[in-house]
Amino acid sequence: MAADIGDLNAFVTVARAGGFREGARASGGSASGLSEAVRRLEAKFGVRLLNRTTRSVAPTEAGARLLDRLGPALAEVEAALDVVNGYRDSPSGPLRLNVPVSAARLVLPSIVPAFLAAYPDIELHVIAEDGFVDMLAAGCDAGIRYDERLEQDMIAVPIGPREQRFATAASPGYLARRGTPSHPRDLLDHACIRGQFASGAMDDWEFERDGEVVKVATTGPLIVRIGAATDLAVDAAIAGTGIIHLFEDWLRPHLDSGALVPVIEPWWQRFSGPFLYYPGRRYLPAPLRAFIDFVAARRIV
């Protein structure tokens, strides 16, 4: 029983993403288009493939068995078709990256414009997430993560600066009003602007000096979702609401301008930079291969 390969791809996308909207975001299509494609498949096969509720979409038993067989088969089809793409003068097609908001803000701006100028036939989709998701389940070709977030069975190559720091800072007005901390534990007596992960967990502040690590469970009047509302946290710190703890590169323009003042700088913790990671399969899509080579050629050490 023949089925349109586009409809099959739509089913796999929705099943892996766990919803039509999520699938549309991962694929760059529309939720209505994916829904119609799945309905066509179900009508052709005469069996329900997805259970739909107001909260979630999940494969039926028939859908799960189809997904198990289709996933690898469609990957092989894509790899076979991409072999032809490799003979083009310039690779073309979509490239989907799943990245944390910090990477979209601090790493990709120095790479993406030049990459797209070098490969005008590639269409780059950047999906910036507040939390960490299964890159493949989200329908992406590759992702950017920090080393402790790397998934198993993935190849990782450095991208962006190889060392970064967390900076702690406050506005001159706040420090004049509340005083300047000299040790991380002094932060317990200050108003701190805190971050919360998508899971609901709070972000403890960690500091290090001469091998001594200090973690501080700060308190304060403002809690923001890490990633999505980080700019609000920065604006609040500049306005004098409290002390902020964030990527140094994110705060650097405000530190240089004097809008924010560094505090307890000897304790700022260093950490390794991010990695581009992707599945260790034999055939990679031509756009992804081009991006990997481009990143390697421009590697910052």
Protein backbone atom coordinates (compact mmCIF):
# COMPACT_ATOMS: atom_id res chain seq x y z
CA MET A 1 0.00 0.00 0.00
CA ALA A 2 1.85 3.10 -1.24
CA ALA A 3 1.97 6.21 0.90
CA ASP A 4 3.36 9.65 0.15
CA ILE A 5 6.84 10.02 1.63
CA GLY A 6 6.01 13.55 2.72
CA ASP A 7 3.06 12.24 4.75
CA LEU A 8 5.27 9.58 6.30
CA ASN A 9 7.83 12.22 7.25
CA ALA A 10 5.06 14.32 8.78
CA PHE A 11 3.91 11.39 10.92
CA VAL A 12 7.46 10.71 12.16
CA THR A 13 7.98 14.40 12.95
CA VAL A 14 4.78 14.69 14.99
CA ALA A 15 5.27 11.38 16.79
CA ARG A 16 8.82 12.24 17.81
CA ALA A 17 7.98 15.79 18.83
CA GLY A 18 4.92 14.75 20.82
CA GLY A 19 2.54 17.21 19.21
CA PHE A 20 1.56 19.03 16.03
CA ARG A 21 2.73 22.45 17.18
CA GLU A 22 5.99 21.02 18.45
CA GLY A 23 6.44 19.13 15.18
CA ALA A 24 5.76 22.28 13.19
CA ARG A 25 8.38 24.15 15.18
CA ALA A 26 10.92 21.38 14.65
CA SER A 27 10.24 20.98 10.93
CA GLY A 28 9.60 24.57 9.97
CA GLY A 29 6.18 23.63 8.60
CA SER A 30 2.68 24.31 9.87
CA ALA A 31 0.68 22.42 12.48
CA SER A 32 -2.33 22.29 10.19
CA GLY A 33 -0.25 20.86 7.35
CA LEU A 34 1.15 18.14 9.60
CA SER A 35 -2.31 17.33 10.92
CA GLU A 36 -3.70 16.96 7.41
CA ALA A 37 -0.79 14.71 6.40
CA VAL A 38 -1.39 12.39 9.36
CA ARG A 39 -5.12 12.29 8.60
CA ARG A 40 -4.32 11.23 5.03
CA LEU A 41 -2.12 8.39 6.30
CA GLU A 42 -4.74 7.21 8.76
CA ALA A 43 -7.40 7.26 6.05
CA LYS A 44 -5.14 5.34 3.66
CA PHE A 45 -4.26 2.67 6.23
CA GLY A 46 -7.68 2.59 7.85
CA VAL A 47 -6.16 2.67 11.34
CA ARG A 48 -5.47 5.37 13.90
CA LEU A 49 -1.76 6.14 14.21
CA LEU A 50 -1.83 8.86 16.86
CA ASN A 51 -3.86 9.31 20.02
CA ARG A 52 -4.71 12.98 20.40
CA THR A 53 -5.69 14.70 23.65
CA THR A 54 -5.81 18.36 24.61
CA ARG A 55 -2.46 17.94 26.35
CA SER A 56 -0.47 15.51 24.26
CA VAL A 57 -0.13 13.46 21.10
CA ALA A 58 1.26 9.91 21.33
CA PRO A 59 1.49 6.99 18.91
CA THR A 60 -1.03 4.18 19.14
CA GLU A 61 0.33 0.65 19.17
CA ALA A 62 0.10 0.60 15.39
CA GLY A 63 1.70 4.03 15.20
CA ALA A 64 4.55 3.00 17.49
CA ARG A 65 5.36 -0.05 15.37
CA LEU A 66 5.23 2.07 12.22
CA LEU A 67 7.51 4.68 13.81
CA ASP A 68 10.07 2.03 14.79
CA ARG A 69 10.34 0.86 11.19
CA LEU A 70 9.96 4.22 9.47
CA GLY A 71 12.58 6.19 11.40
CA PRO A 72 15.64 4.27 10.18
CA ALA A 73 14.14 3.77 6.71
CA LEU A 74 13.50 7.47 6.15
CA ALA A 75 16.96 8.31 7.47
CA GLU A 76 18.43 5.99 4.84
CA VAL A 77 16.31 7.60 2.13
CA GLU A 78 17.51 11.05 3.18
CA ALA A 79 21.11 9.86 3.22
CA ALA A 80 20.75 8.34 -0.25
CA LEU A 81 19.24 11.50 -1.69
CA ASP A 82 21.89 13.62 -0.02
CA VAL A 83 24.62 11.72 -1.84
CA VAL A 84 23.45 13.53 -4.98
CA ASN A 85 23.56 16.82 -3.09
CA GLY A 86 27.25 16.22 -2.50
CA TYR A 87 27.90 16.53 -6.23
CA ARG A 88 26.55 20.06 -6.37
CA ASP A 89 28.94 22.97 -6.59
CA SER A 90 27.37 24.25 -3.38
CA PRO A 91 25.26 22.20 -0.94
CA SER A 92 21.61 23.14 -0.56
CA GLY A 93 18.66 22.36 1.63
CA PRO A 94 17.64 22.86 5.25
CA LEU A 95 19.93 22.65 8.26
CA ARG A 96 18.23 22.56 11.66
CA LEU A 97 20.17 23.39 14.82
CA ASN A 98 18.87 23.03 18.37
CA VAL A 99 20.73 25.41 20.68
CA PRO A 100 20.44 26.99 24.12
CA VAL A 101 19.42 30.63 24.15
CA SER A 102 22.89 31.58 25.37
CA ALA A 103 24.48 30.05 22.27
CA ALA A 104 22.02 31.83 19.98
CA ARG A 105 23.00 35.07 21.70
CA LEU A 106 26.74 34.63 22.26
CA VAL A 107 28.10 32.02 19.81
CA LEU A 108 26.13 31.96 16.56
CA PRO A 109 26.17 35.69 15.67
CA SER A 110 29.89 35.48 14.81
CA ILE A 111 29.32 32.38 12.63
CA VAL A 112 25.92 32.42 10.96
CA PRO A 113 26.14 35.49 8.68
CA ALA A 114 29.46 34.39 7.17
CA PHE A 115 28.26 30.79 6.82
CA LEU A 116 25.09 31.79 4.96
CA ALA A 117 27.09 34.13 2.74
CA ALA A 118 29.39 31.22 1.84
CA TYR A 119 26.47 28.80 1.29
CA PRO A 120 23.54 30.80 -0.07
CA ASP A 121 21.55 27.67 -0.99
CA ILE A 122 21.38 26.41 2.59
CA GLU A 123 18.35 27.34 4.69
CA LEU A 124 19.35 27.49 8.34
CA HIS A 125 16.75 26.89 11.06
CA VAL A 126 17.88 27.80 14.58
CA ILE A 127 15.62 26.48 17.34
CA ALA A 128 16.60 28.11 20.63
CA GLU A 129 15.34 26.23 23.69
CA ASP A 130 15.13 27.27 27.33
CA GLY A 131 15.56 23.65 28.42
CA PHE A 132 17.56 20.74 27.07
CA VAL A 133 15.68 18.44 24.72
CA ASP A 134 16.43 15.37 22.63
CA MET A 135 17.89 16.95 19.53
CA LEU A 136 16.93 14.09 17.22
CA ALA A 137 13.41 13.83 18.63
CA ALA A 138 13.02 17.54 17.96
CA GLY A 139 13.77 16.91 14.28
CA CYS A 140 17.11 18.71 14.26
CA ASP A 141 20.32 17.76 12.47
CA ALA A 142 22.73 19.00 15.13
CA GLY A 143 22.82 20.92 18.37
CA ILE A 144 25.01 23.06 20.56
CA ARG A 145 25.60 22.07 24.17
CA TYR A 146 28.11 22.51 26.93
CA ASP A 147 30.11 19.38 27.76
CA GLU A 148 28.05 18.31 30.76
CA ARG A 149 24.92 18.37 28.58
CA LEU A 150 26.20 16.24 25.70
CA GLU A 151 24.04 13.27 24.77
CA GLN A 152 25.49 9.81 24.39
CA ASP A 153 26.58 8.38 21.03
CA MET A 154 27.17 11.84 19.60
CA ILE A 155 30.21 13.36 17.95
CA ALA A 156 31.19 16.71 19.47
CA VAL A 157 33.42 19.40 17.99
CA PRO A 158 34.33 22.71 19.63
CA ILE A 159 32.40 25.79 18.54
CA GLY A 160 32.89 29.32 19.80
CA PRO A 161 35.29 30.41 22.57
CA ARG A 162 36.93 27.52 24.40
CA GLU A 163 36.75 29.16 27.80
CA GLN A 164 34.07 31.36 29.33
CA ARG A 165 33.31 32.84 32.73
CA PHE A 166 30.27 33.61 34.81
CA ALA A 167 30.32 37.25 35.88
CA THR A 168 28.66 38.80 38.92
CA ALA A 169 27.71 42.46 38.76
CA ALA A 170 25.40 45.20 39.99
CA SER A 171 24.61 48.79 39.15
CA PRO A 172 26.58 51.61 40.80
CA GLY A 173 23.36 52.80 42.42
CA TYR A 174 22.65 49.43 44.00
CA LEU A 175 26.18 49.12 45.38
CA ALA A 176 26.05 52.66 46.81
CA ARG A 177 22.79 51.76 48.53
CA ARG A 178 23.56 48.23 49.76
CA GLY A 179 27.35 48.00 49.83
CA THR A 180 29.76 45.84 47.80
CA PRO A 181 30.16 42.13 48.63
CA SER A 182 33.74 40.91 48.97
CA HIS A 183 33.08 37.16 49.29
CA PRO A 184 30.44 34.91 47.65
CA ARG A 185 28.79 34.27 51.04
CA ASP A 186 28.17 38.01 51.38
CA LEU A 187 25.58 37.57 48.64
CA LEU A 188 23.25 36.00 51.23
CA ASP A 189 22.70 39.52 52.57
CA HIS A 190 21.93 40.99 49.14
CA ALA A 191 19.04 41.13 46.71
CA CYS A 192 19.95 38.77 43.86
CA ILE A 193 18.27 38.34 40.50
CA ARG A 194 17.86 34.60 40.14
CA GLY A 195 17.34 32.22 37.25
CA GLN A 196 14.99 29.25 37.07
CA PHE A 197 15.28 26.34 34.66
CA ALA A 198 12.35 25.11 32.58
CA SER A 199 12.15 22.12 34.95
CA GLY A 200 11.44 24.49 37.84
CA ALA A 201 14.85 24.00 39.46
CA MET A 202 16.59 27.12 40.71
CA ASP A 203 20.07 28.05 39.56
CA ASP A 204 22.49 28.14 42.51
CA TRP A 205 25.41 30.49 42.01
CA GLU A 206 28.81 28.80 41.97
CA PHE A 207 32.18 30.45 42.51
CA GLU A 208 35.77 29.22 42.55
CA ARG A 209 39.11 30.58 43.73
CA ASP A 210 42.42 28.75 44.25
CA GLY A 211 40.66 25.40 44.09
CA GLU A 212 37.95 26.35 46.60
CA VAL A 213 34.39 26.05 45.26
CA VAL A 214 31.55 27.93 46.95
CA LYS A 215 27.87 27.45 46.05
CA VAL A 216 25.40 30.07 47.20
CA ALA A 217 21.61 29.65 47.28
CA THR A 218 20.79 33.29 46.74
CA THR A 219 17.51 35.08 47.43
CA GLY A 220 15.99 38.16 45.89
CA PRO A 221 12.92 39.91 44.53
CA LEU A 222 13.10 38.73 40.90
CA ILE A 223 13.17 35.23 39.38
CA VAL A 224 13.34 34.82 35.59
CA ARG A 225 13.22 31.82 33.28
CA ILE A 226 16.78 31.11 32.19
CA GLY A 227 17.13 31.95 28.52
CA ALA A 228 13.75 33.41 27.67
CA ALA A 229 13.77 36.24 30.20
CA THR A 230 17.49 36.84 30.64
CA ASP A 231 17.36 40.27 29.02
CA LEU A 232 14.76 41.29 31.61
CA ALA A 233 17.16 40.22 34.35
CA VAL A 234 19.95 42.31 32.83
CA ASP A 235 17.69 45.37 32.52
CA ALA A 236 16.59 44.94 36.13
CA ALA A 237 20.19 44.75 37.31
CA ILE A 238 21.05 47.93 35.42
CA ALA A 239 18.04 49.62 37.04
CA GLY A 240 19.35 48.70 40.50
CA THR A 241 17.00 45.87 41.41
CA GLY A 242 19.77 43.56 42.53
CA ILE A 243 22.94 41.63 41.75
CA ILE A 244 23.09 39.49 38.61
CA HIS A 245 25.18 36.38 37.83
CA LEU A 246 25.44 35.57 34.13
CA PHE A 247 27.77 34.79 31.22
CA GLU A 248 30.52 37.42 31.18
CA ASP A 249 30.12 37.87 27.43
CA TRP A 250 26.42 38.69 27.93
CA LEU A 251 27.22 41.35 30.52
CA ARG A 252 30.44 42.65 28.94
CA PRO A 253 28.88 45.62 27.03
CA HIS A 254 27.28 46.87 30.26
CA LEU A 255 30.45 46.31 32.25
CA ASP A 256 32.43 48.27 29.67
CA SER A 257 29.90 51.11 29.66
CA GLY A 258 29.81 51.34 33.45
CA ALA A 259 26.10 50.54 33.66
CA LEU A 260 27.14 47.50 35.70
CA VAL A 261 30.09 47.12 38.05
CA PRO A 262 31.88 43.78 38.59
CA VAL A 263 31.78 42.35 42.10
CA ILE A 264 33.83 39.52 43.68
CA GLU A 265 35.65 39.15 40.35
CA PRO A 266 38.48 37.00 41.78
CA TRP A 267 35.82 34.34 42.39
CA TRP A 268 34.33 34.31 38.90
CA GLN A 269 34.18 30.71 37.76
CA ARG A 270 35.65 29.60 34.46
CA PHE A 271 34.14 26.78 32.39
CA SER A 272 34.78 25.16 29.03
CA GLY A 273 33.08 26.50 25.94
CA PRO A 274 30.28 24.84 23.98
CA PHE A 275 30.34 22.04 21.43
CA LEU A 276 28.53 21.38 18.18
CA TYR A 277 27.24 17.83 18.39
CA TYR A 278 25.63 15.53 15.87
CA PRO A 279 24.87 11.82 15.34
CA GLY A 280 27.85 9.63 14.56
CA ARG A 281 26.30 8.11 11.47
CA ARG A 282 28.19 7.41 8.27
CA TYR A 283 26.30 9.79 5.99
CA LEU A 284 25.63 13.34 7.11
CA PRO A 285 23.43 15.78 5.20
CA ALA A 286 25.50 18.00 2.94
CA PRO A 287 24.40 21.22 4.73
CA LEU A 288 25.52 19.77 8.07
CA ARG A 289 28.85 18.63 6.64
CA ALA A 290 29.37 22.13 5.27
CA PHE A 291 28.57 23.69 8.66
CA ILE A 292 30.94 21.32 10.50
CA ASP A 293 33.77 22.12 8.08
CA PHE A 294 33.02 25.84 8.32
CA VAL A 295 33.11 25.80 12.11
CA ALA A 296 36.35 23.79 12.14
CA ALA A 297 38.01 26.30 9.77
CA ARG A 298 37.03 29.25 11.99
CA ARG A 299 37.64 27.58 15.32
CA ILE A 300 38.44 29.96 18.14
CA VAL A 301 41.10 28.66 20.50
